[in-house]
Amino acid sequence: MSTKLVGPVVRDGEIAEALITAIERDNPDAQVYVDDRGGYIRIHTEKYCRVTRQSLEAALGRSCPLSQIEPALATFAGRIQSGDQEIVWYLEN
């Protein structure tokens, strides 16, 4: 594929499922690619991937500061910008 993909690679199944739902909600015009490798799950979109705390908490059904997902991240593709309310993975321009 010539288009670059960005997004998280997650070890925790519960977090991965919630991230997939939240990323689909927060990136409505993007194709979300999910690659389950057993020990980890790649969740990517093309060039730009955003997840908000609001969408993640709705998917989990509980409060979840974004800093709590960091231990579940094995790695990620692209550059990352994180804050209290959203995490964005993107390609450097």
PDB file of N, CA and C in Angstrom:
ATOM      1  N   MET A   1       0.845  -1.182   0.000  1.00  0.00           N
ATOM      2  CA  MET A   1       0.000   0.000   0.000  1.00  0.00           C
ATOM      3  C   MET A   1       0.884   1.238   0.000  1.00  0.00           C
ATOM      4  N   SER A   2       0.607   2.172  -0.874  1.00  0.00           N
ATOM      5  CA  SER A   2       1.443   3.366  -0.977  1.00  0.00           C
ATOM      6  C   SER A   2       1.100   4.417   0.073  1.00  0.00           C
ATOM      7  N   THR A   3      -0.115   4.371   0.625  1.00  0.00           N
ATOM      8  CA  THR A   3      -0.516   5.332   1.641  1.00  0.00           C
ATOM      9  C   THR A   3       0.019   4.890   2.992  1.00  0.00           C
ATOM     10  N   LYS A   4       0.535   5.817   3.742  1.00  0.00           N
ATOM     11  CA  LYS A   4       1.085   5.518   5.058  1.00  0.00           C
ATOM     12  C   LYS A   4      -0.019   5.424   6.096  1.00  0.00           C
ATOM     13  N   LEU A   5       0.074   4.412   6.948  1.00  0.00           N
ATOM     14  CA  LEU A   5      -0.892   4.206   8.014  1.00  0.00           C
ATOM     15  C   LEU A   5      -0.319   4.676   9.337  1.00  0.00           C
ATOM     16  N   VAL A   6      -1.182   5.219  10.192  1.00  0.00           N
ATOM     17  CA  VAL A   6      -0.782   5.681  11.513  1.00  0.00           C
ATOM     18  C   VAL A   6      -1.793   5.184  12.545  1.00  0.00           C
ATOM     19  N   GLY A   7      -1.343   5.047  13.789  1.00  0.00           N
ATOM     20  CA  GLY A   7      -2.234   4.644  14.865  1.00  0.00           C
ATOM     21  C   GLY A   7      -1.540   3.749  15.872  1.00  0.00           C
ATOM     22  N   PRO A   8      -2.305   3.301  16.874  1.00  0.00           N
ATOM     23  CA  PRO A   8      -1.722   2.520  17.967  1.00  0.00           C
ATOM     24  C   PRO A   8      -1.566   1.038  17.646  1.00  0.00           C
ATOM     25  N   VAL A   9      -0.627   0.418  18.349  1.00  0.00           N
ATOM     26  CA  VAL A   9      -0.468  -1.028  18.382  1.00  0.00           C
ATOM     27  C   VAL A   9      -0.624  -1.403  19.852  1.00  0.00           C
ATOM     28  N   VAL A  10      -1.649  -2.208  20.150  1.00  0.00           N
ATOM     29  CA  VAL A  10      -2.093  -2.403  21.531  1.00  0.00           C
ATOM     30  C   VAL A  10      -1.979  -3.867  21.943  1.00  0.00           C
ATOM     31  N   ARG A  11      -1.562  -4.091  23.192  1.00  0.00           N
ATOM     32  CA  ARG A  11      -1.458  -5.450  23.744  1.00  0.00           C
ATOM     33  C   ARG A  11      -2.717  -5.879  24.482  1.00  0.00           C
ATOM     34  N   ASP A  12      -3.456  -4.961  25.071  1.00  0.00           N
ATOM     35  CA  ASP A  12      -4.610  -5.266  25.921  1.00  0.00           C
ATOM     36  C   ASP A  12      -5.881  -5.370  25.072  1.00  0.00           C
ATOM     37  N   GLY A  13      -6.539  -6.531  25.097  1.00  0.00           N
ATOM     38  CA  GLY A  13      -7.722  -6.770  24.278  1.00  0.00           C
ATOM     39  C   GLY A  13      -8.883  -5.843  24.576  1.00  0.00           C
ATOM     40  N   GLU A  14      -9.161  -5.583  25.860  1.00  0.00           N
ATOM     41  CA  GLU A  14     -10.267  -4.692  26.230  1.00  0.00           C
ATOM     42  C   GLU A  14     -10.009  -3.278  25.715  1.00  0.00           C
ATOM     43  N   ILE A  15      -8.805  -2.787  25.922  1.00  0.00           N
ATOM     44  CA  ILE A  15      -8.450  -1.446  25.441  1.00  0.00           C
ATOM     45  C   ILE A  15      -8.493  -1.408  23.913  1.00  0.00           C
ATOM     46  N   ALA A  16      -8.002  -2.462  23.271  1.00  0.00           N
ATOM     47  CA  ALA A  16      -7.997  -2.498  21.808  1.00  0.00           C
ATOM     48  C   ALA A  16      -9.421  -2.408  21.254  1.00  0.00           C
ATOM     49  N   GLU A  17     -10.335  -3.184  21.805  1.00  0.00           N
ATOM     50  CA  GLU A  17     -11.723  -3.153  21.330  1.00  0.00           C
ATOM     51  C   GLU A  17     -12.332  -1.769  21.528  1.00  0.00           C
ATOM     52  N   ALA A  18     -12.070  -1.153  22.679  1.00  0.00           N
ATOM     53  CA  ALA A  18     -12.589   0.192  22.945  1.00  0.00           C
ATOM     54  C   ALA A  18     -11.954   1.212  22.003  1.00  0.00           C
ATOM     55  N   LEU A  19     -10.647   1.071  21.744  1.00  0.00           N
ATOM     56  CA  LEU A  19      -9.971   1.984  20.821  1.00  0.00           C
ATOM     57  C   LEU A  19     -10.528   1.864  19.403  1.00  0.00           C
ATOM     58  N   ILE A  20     -10.799   0.649  18.958  1.00  0.00           N
ATOM     59  CA  ILE A  20     -11.371   0.461  17.624  1.00  0.00           C
ATOM     60  C   ILE A  20     -12.691   1.212  17.514  1.00  0.00           C
ATOM     61  N   THR A  21     -13.572   1.019  18.488  1.00  0.00           N
ATOM     62  CA  THR A  21     -14.874   1.701  18.491  1.00  0.00           C
ATOM     63  C   THR A  21     -14.708   3.212  18.536  1.00  0.00           C
ATOM     64  N   ALA A  22     -13.832   3.683  19.430  1.00  0.00           N
ATOM     65  CA  ALA A  22     -13.623   5.129  19.590  1.00  0.00           C
ATOM     66  C   ALA A  22     -12.986   5.740  18.339  1.00  0.00           C
ATOM     67  N   ILE A  23     -12.018   5.061  17.751  1.00  0.00           N
ATOM     68  CA  ILE A  23     -11.359   5.579  16.549  1.00  0.00           C
ATOM     69  C   ILE A  23     -12.348   5.627  15.389  1.00  0.00           C
ATOM     70  N   GLU A  24     -13.189   4.612  15.266  1.00  0.00           N
ATOM     71  CA  GLU A  24     -14.219   4.648  14.220  1.00  0.00           C
ATOM     72  C   GLU A  24     -15.143   5.853  14.414  1.00  0.00           C
ATOM     73  N   ARG A  25     -15.504   6.144  15.651  1.00  0.00           N
ATOM     74  CA  ARG A  25     -16.381   7.280  15.956  1.00  0.00           C
ATOM     75  C   ARG A  25     -15.682   8.614  15.705  1.00  0.00           C
ATOM     76  N   ASP A  26     -14.416   8.711  16.104  1.00  0.00           N
ATOM     77  CA  ASP A  26     -13.688   9.982  16.019  1.00  0.00           C
ATOM     78  C   ASP A  26     -13.106  10.273  14.637  1.00  0.00           C
ATOM     79  N   ASN A  27     -13.116   9.286  13.758  1.00  0.00           N
ATOM     80  CA  ASN A  27     -12.595   9.435  12.393  1.00  0.00           C
ATOM     81  C   ASN A  27     -13.641   8.905  11.409  1.00  0.00           C
ATOM     82  N   PRO A  28     -14.813   9.543  11.348  1.00  0.00           N
ATOM     83  CA  PRO A  28     -15.943   8.987  10.582  1.00  0.00           C
ATOM     84  C   PRO A  28     -15.690   8.846   9.085  1.00  0.00           C
ATOM     85  N   ASP A  29     -14.793   9.620   8.524  1.00  0.00           N
ATOM     86  CA  ASP A  29     -14.527   9.551   7.090  1.00  0.00           C
ATOM     87  C   ASP A  29     -13.327   8.673   6.737  1.00  0.00           C
ATOM     88  N   ALA A  30     -12.746   8.034   7.741  1.00  0.00           N
ATOM     89  CA  ALA A  30     -11.539   7.238   7.518  1.00  0.00           C
ATOM     90  C   ALA A  30     -11.850   5.741   7.544  1.00  0.00           C
ATOM     91  N   GLN A  31     -11.115   5.002   6.751  1.00  0.00           N
ATOM     92  CA  GLN A  31     -11.151   3.539   6.818  1.00  0.00           C
ATOM     93  C   GLN A  31     -10.272   3.130   7.994  1.00  0.00           C
ATOM     94  N   VAL A  32     -10.810   2.346   8.930  1.00  0.00           N
ATOM     95  CA  VAL A  32     -10.041   1.872  10.077  1.00  0.00           C
ATOM     96  C   VAL A  32      -9.580   0.444   9.775  1.00  0.00           C
ATOM     97  N   TYR A  33      -8.270   0.245   9.804  1.00  0.00           N
ATOM     98  CA  TYR A  33      -7.670  -1.056   9.541  1.00  0.00           C
ATOM     99  C   TYR A  33      -7.309  -1.704  10.869  1.00  0.00           C
ATOM    100  N   VAL A  34      -7.759  -2.945  11.078  1.00  0.00           N
ATOM    101  CA  VAL A  34      -7.473  -3.684  12.306  1.00  0.00           C
ATOM    102  C   VAL A  34      -6.760  -4.977  11.914  1.00  0.00           C
ATOM    103  N   ASP A  35      -5.588  -5.175  12.507  1.00  0.00           N
ATOM    104  CA  ASP A  35      -4.784  -6.353  12.219  1.00  0.00           C
ATOM    105  C   ASP A  35      -4.461  -7.035  13.546  1.00  0.00           C
ATOM    106  N   ASP A  36      -5.191  -8.114  13.855  1.00  0.00           N
ATOM    107  CA  ASP A  36      -5.000  -8.852  15.108  1.00  0.00           C
ATOM    108  C   ASP A  36      -3.904  -9.887  14.910  1.00  0.00           C
ATOM    109  N   ARG A  37      -2.785  -9.687  15.584  1.00  0.00           N
ATOM    110  CA  ARG A  37      -1.633 -10.587  15.471  1.00  0.00           C
ATOM    111  C   ARG A  37      -1.518 -11.545  16.662  1.00  0.00           C
ATOM    112  N   GLY A  38      -2.578 -11.653  17.439  1.00  0.00           N
ATOM    113  CA  GLY A  38      -2.542 -12.541  18.599  1.00  0.00           C
ATOM    114  C   GLY A  38      -1.996 -11.843  19.829  1.00  0.00           C
ATOM    115  N   GLY A  39      -0.715 -11.532  19.842  1.00  0.00           N
ATOM    116  CA  GLY A  39      -0.087 -10.865  20.984  1.00  0.00           C
ATOM    117  C   GLY A  39      -0.304  -9.361  21.001  1.00  0.00           C
ATOM    118  N   TYR A  40      -0.711  -8.821  19.861  1.00  0.00           N
ATOM    119  CA  TYR A  40      -0.984  -7.387  19.780  1.00  0.00           C
ATOM    120  C   TYR A  40      -1.952  -7.124  18.632  1.00  0.00           C
ATOM    121  N   ILE A  41      -2.570  -5.959  18.672  1.00  0.00           N
ATOM    122  CA  ILE A  41      -3.538  -5.564  17.654  1.00  0.00           C
ATOM    123  C   ILE A  41      -3.138  -4.206  17.098  1.00  0.00           C
ATOM    124  N   ARG A  42      -2.958  -4.144  15.779  1.00  0.00           N
ATOM    125  CA  ARG A  42      -2.669  -2.876  15.106  1.00  0.00           C
ATOM    126  C   ARG A  42      -3.991  -2.221  14.730  1.00  0.00           C
ATOM    127  N   ILE A  43      -4.151  -0.936  15.074  1.00  0.00           N
ATOM    128  CA  ILE A  43      -5.348  -0.174  14.721  1.00  0.00           C
ATOM    129  C   ILE A  43      -4.860   1.069  13.985  1.00  0.00           C
ATOM    130  N   HIS A  44      -5.124   1.149  12.683  1.00  0.00           N
ATOM    131  CA  HIS A  44      -4.559   2.232  11.888  1.00  0.00           C
ATOM    132  C   HIS A  44      -5.571   2.857  10.943  1.00  0.00           C
ATOM    133  N   THR A  45      -5.304   4.103  10.609  1.00  0.00           N
ATOM    134  CA  THR A  45      -6.014   4.825   9.563  1.00  0.00           C
ATOM    135  C   THR A  45      -4.955   5.450   8.663  1.00  0.00           C
ATOM    136  N   GLU A  46      -5.385   6.003   7.557  1.00  0.00           N
ATOM    137  CA  GLU A  46      -4.445   6.620   6.628  1.00  0.00           C
ATOM    138  C   GLU A  46      -4.104   8.044   7.060  1.00  0.00           C
ATOM    139  N   LYS A  47      -2.842   8.306   7.288  1.00  0.00           N
ATOM    140  CA  LYS A  47      -2.240   9.627   7.511  1.00  0.00           C
ATOM    141  C   LYS A  47      -2.608  10.331   8.815  1.00  0.00           C
ATOM    142  N   TYR A  48      -3.820  10.128   9.360  1.00  0.00           N
ATOM    143  CA  TYR A  48      -4.271  10.866  10.543  1.00  0.00           C
ATOM    144  C   TYR A  48      -5.237   9.985  11.327  1.00  0.00           C
ATOM    145  N   CYS A  49      -5.006   9.850  12.635  1.00  0.00           N
ATOM    146  CA  CYS A  49      -5.850   9.017  13.489  1.00  0.00           C
ATOM    147  C   CYS A  49      -6.043   9.745  14.819  1.00  0.00           C
ATOM    148  N   ARG A  50      -7.288   9.960  15.184  1.00  0.00           N
ATOM    149  CA  ARG A  50      -7.601  10.711  16.406  1.00  0.00           C
ATOM    150  C   ARG A  50      -8.494   9.857  17.299  1.00  0.00           C
ATOM    151  N   VAL A  51      -8.236   9.897  18.602  1.00  0.00           N
ATOM    152  CA  VAL A  51      -9.131   9.273  19.575  1.00  0.00           C
ATOM    153  C   VAL A  51      -9.328  10.265  20.716  1.00  0.00           C
ATOM    154  N   THR A  52     -10.590  10.446  21.114  1.00  0.00           N
ATOM    155  CA  THR A  52     -10.896  11.363  22.210  1.00  0.00           C
ATOM    156  C   THR A  52     -11.206  10.579  23.477  1.00  0.00           C
ATOM    157  N   ARG A  53     -10.970  11.205  24.587  1.00  0.00           N
ATOM    158  CA  ARG A  53     -11.289  10.589  25.874  1.00  0.00           C
ATOM    159  C   ARG A  53     -12.782  10.285  25.948  1.00  0.00           C
ATOM    160  N   GLN A  54     -13.607  11.204  25.464  1.00  0.00           N
ATOM    161  CA  GLN A  54     -15.059  11.022  25.505  1.00  0.00           C
ATOM    162  C   GLN A  54     -15.476   9.743  24.760  1.00  0.00           C
ATOM    163  N   SER A  55     -14.957   9.546  23.556  1.00  0.00           N
ATOM    164  CA  SER A  55     -15.307   8.356  22.775  1.00  0.00           C
ATOM    165  C   SER A  55     -14.757   7.087  23.407  1.00  0.00           C
ATOM    166  N   LEU A  56     -13.544   7.141  23.933  1.00  0.00           N
ATOM    167  CA  LEU A  56     -12.952   5.975  24.573  1.00  0.00           C
ATOM    168  C   LEU A  56     -13.741   5.581  25.815  1.00  0.00           C
ATOM    169  N   GLU A  57     -14.106   6.553  26.627  1.00  0.00           N
ATOM    170  CA  GLU A  57     -14.884   6.258  27.829  1.00  0.00           C
ATOM    171  C   GLU A  57     -16.260   5.711  27.486  1.00  0.00           C
ATOM    172  N   ALA A  58     -16.884   6.232  26.430  1.00  0.00           N
ATOM    173  CA  ALA A  58     -18.187   5.708  25.997  1.00  0.00           C
ATOM    174  C   ALA A  58     -18.049   4.251  25.563  1.00  0.00           C
ATOM    175  N   ALA A  59     -16.962   3.926  24.860  1.00  0.00           N
ATOM    176  CA  ALA A  59     -16.738   2.560  24.398  1.00  0.00           C
ATOM    177  C   ALA A  59     -16.430   1.608  25.558  1.00  0.00           C
ATOM    178  N   LEU A  60     -15.696   2.102  26.551  1.00  0.00           N
ATOM    179  CA  LEU A  60     -15.348   1.273  27.712  1.00  0.00           C
ATOM    180  C   LEU A  60     -16.491   1.173  28.712  1.00  0.00           C
ATOM    181  N   GLY A  61     -17.344   2.192  28.741  1.00  0.00           N
ATOM    182  CA  GLY A  61     -18.419   2.229  29.723  1.00  0.00           C
ATOM    183  C   GLY A  61     -17.951   2.639  31.109  1.00  0.00           C
ATOM    184  N   ARG A  62     -16.820   3.322  31.157  1.00  0.00           N
ATOM    185  CA  ARG A  62     -16.265   3.781  32.441  1.00  0.00           C
ATOM    186  C   ARG A  62     -15.284   4.919  32.182  1.00  0.00           C
ATOM    187  N   SER A  63     -14.913   5.598  33.251  1.00  0.00           N
ATOM    188  CA  SER A  63     -13.923   6.661  33.164  1.00  0.00           C
ATOM    189  C   SER A  63     -12.562   6.065  32.820  1.00  0.00           C
ATOM    190  N   CYS A  64     -11.822   6.776  31.968  1.00  0.00           N
ATOM    191  CA  CYS A  64     -10.496   6.287  31.583  1.00  0.00           C
ATOM    192  C   CYS A  64      -9.645   7.456  31.115  1.00  0.00           C
ATOM    193  N   PRO A  65      -8.846   8.041  32.000  1.00  0.00           N
ATOM    194  CA  PRO A  65      -7.909   9.065  31.538  1.00  0.00           C
ATOM    195  C   PRO A  65      -7.022   8.472  30.439  1.00  0.00           C
ATOM    196  N   LEU A  66      -6.747   9.250  29.418  1.00  0.00           N
ATOM    197  CA  LEU A  66      -5.962   8.749  28.290  1.00  0.00           C
ATOM    198  C   LEU A  66      -4.591   8.251  28.708  1.00  0.00           C
ATOM    199  N   SER A  67      -4.039   8.797  29.775  1.00  0.00           N
ATOM    200  CA  SER A  67      -2.732   8.329  30.251  1.00  0.00           C
ATOM    201  C   SER A  67      -2.786   6.862  30.683  1.00  0.00           C
ATOM    202  N   GLN A  68      -3.969   6.342  31.008  1.00  0.00           N
ATOM    203  CA  GLN A  68      -4.095   4.949  31.431  1.00  0.00           C
ATOM    204  C   GLN A  68      -3.972   3.961  30.268  1.00  0.00           C
ATOM    205  N   ILE A  69      -4.085   4.437  29.028  1.00  0.00           N
ATOM    206  CA  ILE A  69      -3.926   3.493  27.914  1.00  0.00           C
ATOM    207  C   ILE A  69      -2.467   3.329  27.510  1.00  0.00           C
ATOM    208  N   GLU A  70      -1.603   4.226  27.978  1.00  0.00           N
ATOM    209  CA  GLU A  70      -0.191   4.148  27.601  1.00  0.00           C
ATOM    210  C   GLU A  70       0.452   2.794  27.926  1.00  0.00           C
ATOM    211  N   PRO A  71       0.174   2.184  29.093  1.00  0.00           N
ATOM    212  CA  PRO A  71       0.770   0.872  29.371  1.00  0.00           C
ATOM    213  C   PRO A  71       0.297  -0.220  28.402  1.00  0.00           C
ATOM    214  N   ALA A  72      -0.865  -0.038  27.779  1.00  0.00           N
ATOM    215  CA  ALA A  72      -1.392  -1.032  26.839  1.00  0.00           C
ATOM    216  C   ALA A  72      -0.776  -0.889  25.450  1.00  0.00           C
ATOM    217  N   LEU A  73      -0.127   0.251  25.183  1.00  0.00           N
ATOM    218  CA  LEU A  73       0.467   0.479  23.868  1.00  0.00           C
ATOM    219  C   LEU A  73       1.802  -0.265  23.746  1.00  0.00           C
ATOM    220  N   ALA A  74       1.882  -1.153  22.768  1.00  0.00           N
ATOM    221  CA  ALA A  74       3.157  -1.812  22.491  1.00  0.00           C
ATOM    222  C   ALA A  74       4.059  -0.845  21.735  1.00  0.00           C
ATOM    223  N   THR A  75       3.444  -0.130  20.799  1.00  0.00           N
ATOM    224  CA  THR A  75       4.117   0.880  19.992  1.00  0.00           C
ATOM    225  C   THR A  75       3.040   1.621  19.230  1.00  0.00           C
ATOM    226  N   PHE A  76       3.442   2.429  18.272  1.00  0.00           N
ATOM    227  CA  PHE A  76       2.482   3.110  17.410  1.00  0.00           C
ATOM    228  C   PHE A  76       3.172   3.453  16.108  1.00  0.00           C
ATOM    229  N   ALA A  77       2.364   3.745  15.101  1.00  0.00           N
ATOM    230  CA  ALA A  77       2.903   4.154  13.807  1.00  0.00           C
ATOM    231  C   ALA A  77       2.616   5.632  13.610  1.00  0.00           C
ATOM    232  N   GLY A  78       3.602   6.375  13.112  1.00  0.00           N
ATOM    233  CA  GLY A  78       3.454   7.806  12.896  1.00  0.00           C
ATOM    234  C   GLY A  78       3.993   8.601  14.068  1.00  0.00           C
ATOM    235  N   ARG A  79       3.720   9.869  14.052  1.00  0.00           N
ATOM    236  CA  ARG A  79       4.063  10.763  15.158  1.00  0.00           C
ATOM    237  C   ARG A  79       2.863  10.787  16.103  1.00  0.00           C
ATOM    238  N   ILE A  80       3.074  11.164  17.354  1.00  0.00           N
ATOM    239  CA  ILE A  80       1.987  11.183  18.318  1.00  0.00           C
ATOM    240  C   ILE A  80       1.946  12.516  19.041  1.00  0.00           C
ATOM    241  N   GLN A  81       0.743  12.997  19.261  1.00  0.00           N
ATOM    242  CA  GLN A  81       0.511  14.193  20.070  1.00  0.00           C
ATOM    243  C   GLN A  81      -0.596  13.827  21.046  1.00  0.00           C
ATOM    244  N   SER A  82      -0.292  13.913  22.337  1.00  0.00           N
ATOM    245  CA  SER A  82      -1.299  13.507  23.315  1.00  0.00           C
ATOM    246  C   SER A  82      -1.566  14.624  24.314  1.00  0.00           C
ATOM    247  N   GLY A  83      -2.785  14.616  24.812  1.00  0.00           N
ATOM    248  CA  GLY A  83      -3.215  15.573  25.820  1.00  0.00           C
ATOM    249  C   GLY A  83      -4.234  14.902  26.723  1.00  0.00           C
ATOM    250  N   ASP A  84      -4.888  15.678  27.555  1.00  0.00           N
ATOM    251  CA  ASP A  84      -5.867  15.124  28.484  1.00  0.00           C
ATOM    252  C   ASP A  84      -7.144  14.670  27.790  1.00  0.00           C
ATOM    253  N   GLN A  85      -7.478  15.290  26.653  1.00  0.00           N
ATOM    254  CA  GLN A  85      -8.764  15.018  26.006  1.00  0.00           C
ATOM    255  C   GLN A  85      -8.669  14.260  24.690  1.00  0.00           C
ATOM    256  N   GLU A  86      -7.473  14.182  24.091  1.00  0.00           N
ATOM    257  CA  GLU A  86      -7.344  13.444  22.839  1.00  0.00           C
ATOM    258  C   GLU A  86      -5.907  13.026  22.594  1.00  0.00           C
ATOM    259  N   ILE A  87      -5.781  11.972  21.781  1.00  0.00           N
ATOM    260  CA  ILE A  87      -4.489  11.533  21.265  1.00  0.00           C
ATOM    261  C   ILE A  87      -4.620  11.538  19.749  1.00  0.00           C
ATOM    262  N   VAL A  88      -3.603  12.070  19.076  1.00  0.00           N
ATOM    263  CA  VAL A  88      -3.598  12.116  17.618  1.00  0.00           C
ATOM    264  C   VAL A  88      -2.299  11.486  17.126  1.00  0.00           C
ATOM    265  N   TRP A  89      -2.437  10.559  16.179  1.00  0.00           N
ATOM    266  CA  TRP A  89      -1.287  10.002  15.462  1.00  0.00           C
ATOM    267  C   TRP A  89      -1.352  10.591  14.066  1.00  0.00           C
ATOM    268  N   TYR A  90      -0.209  10.984  13.527  1.00  0.00           N
ATOM    269  CA  TYR A  90      -0.216  11.668  12.224  1.00  0.00           C
ATOM    270  C   TYR A  90       1.126  11.483  11.528  1.00  0.00           C
ATOM    271  N   LEU A  91       1.138  11.816  10.264  1.00  0.00           N
ATOM    272  CA  LEU A  91       2.383  11.820   9.515  1.00  0.00           C
ATOM    273  C   LEU A  91       2.966  13.213   9.583  1.00  0.00           C
ATOM    274  N   GLU A  92       4.270  13.293   9.709  1.00  0.00           N
ATOM    275  CA  GLU A  92       4.934  14.595   9.717  1.00  0.00           C
ATOM    276  C   GLU A  92       4.893  15.174   8.319  1.00  0.00           C
ATOM    277  N   ASN A  93       4.496  16.435   8.215  1.00  0.00           N
ATOM    278  CA  ASN A  93       4.399  17.085   6.909  1.00  0.00           C
ATOM    279  C   ASN A  93       5.740  17.555   6.421  1.00  0.00           C
TER     280      ASN A  93
END
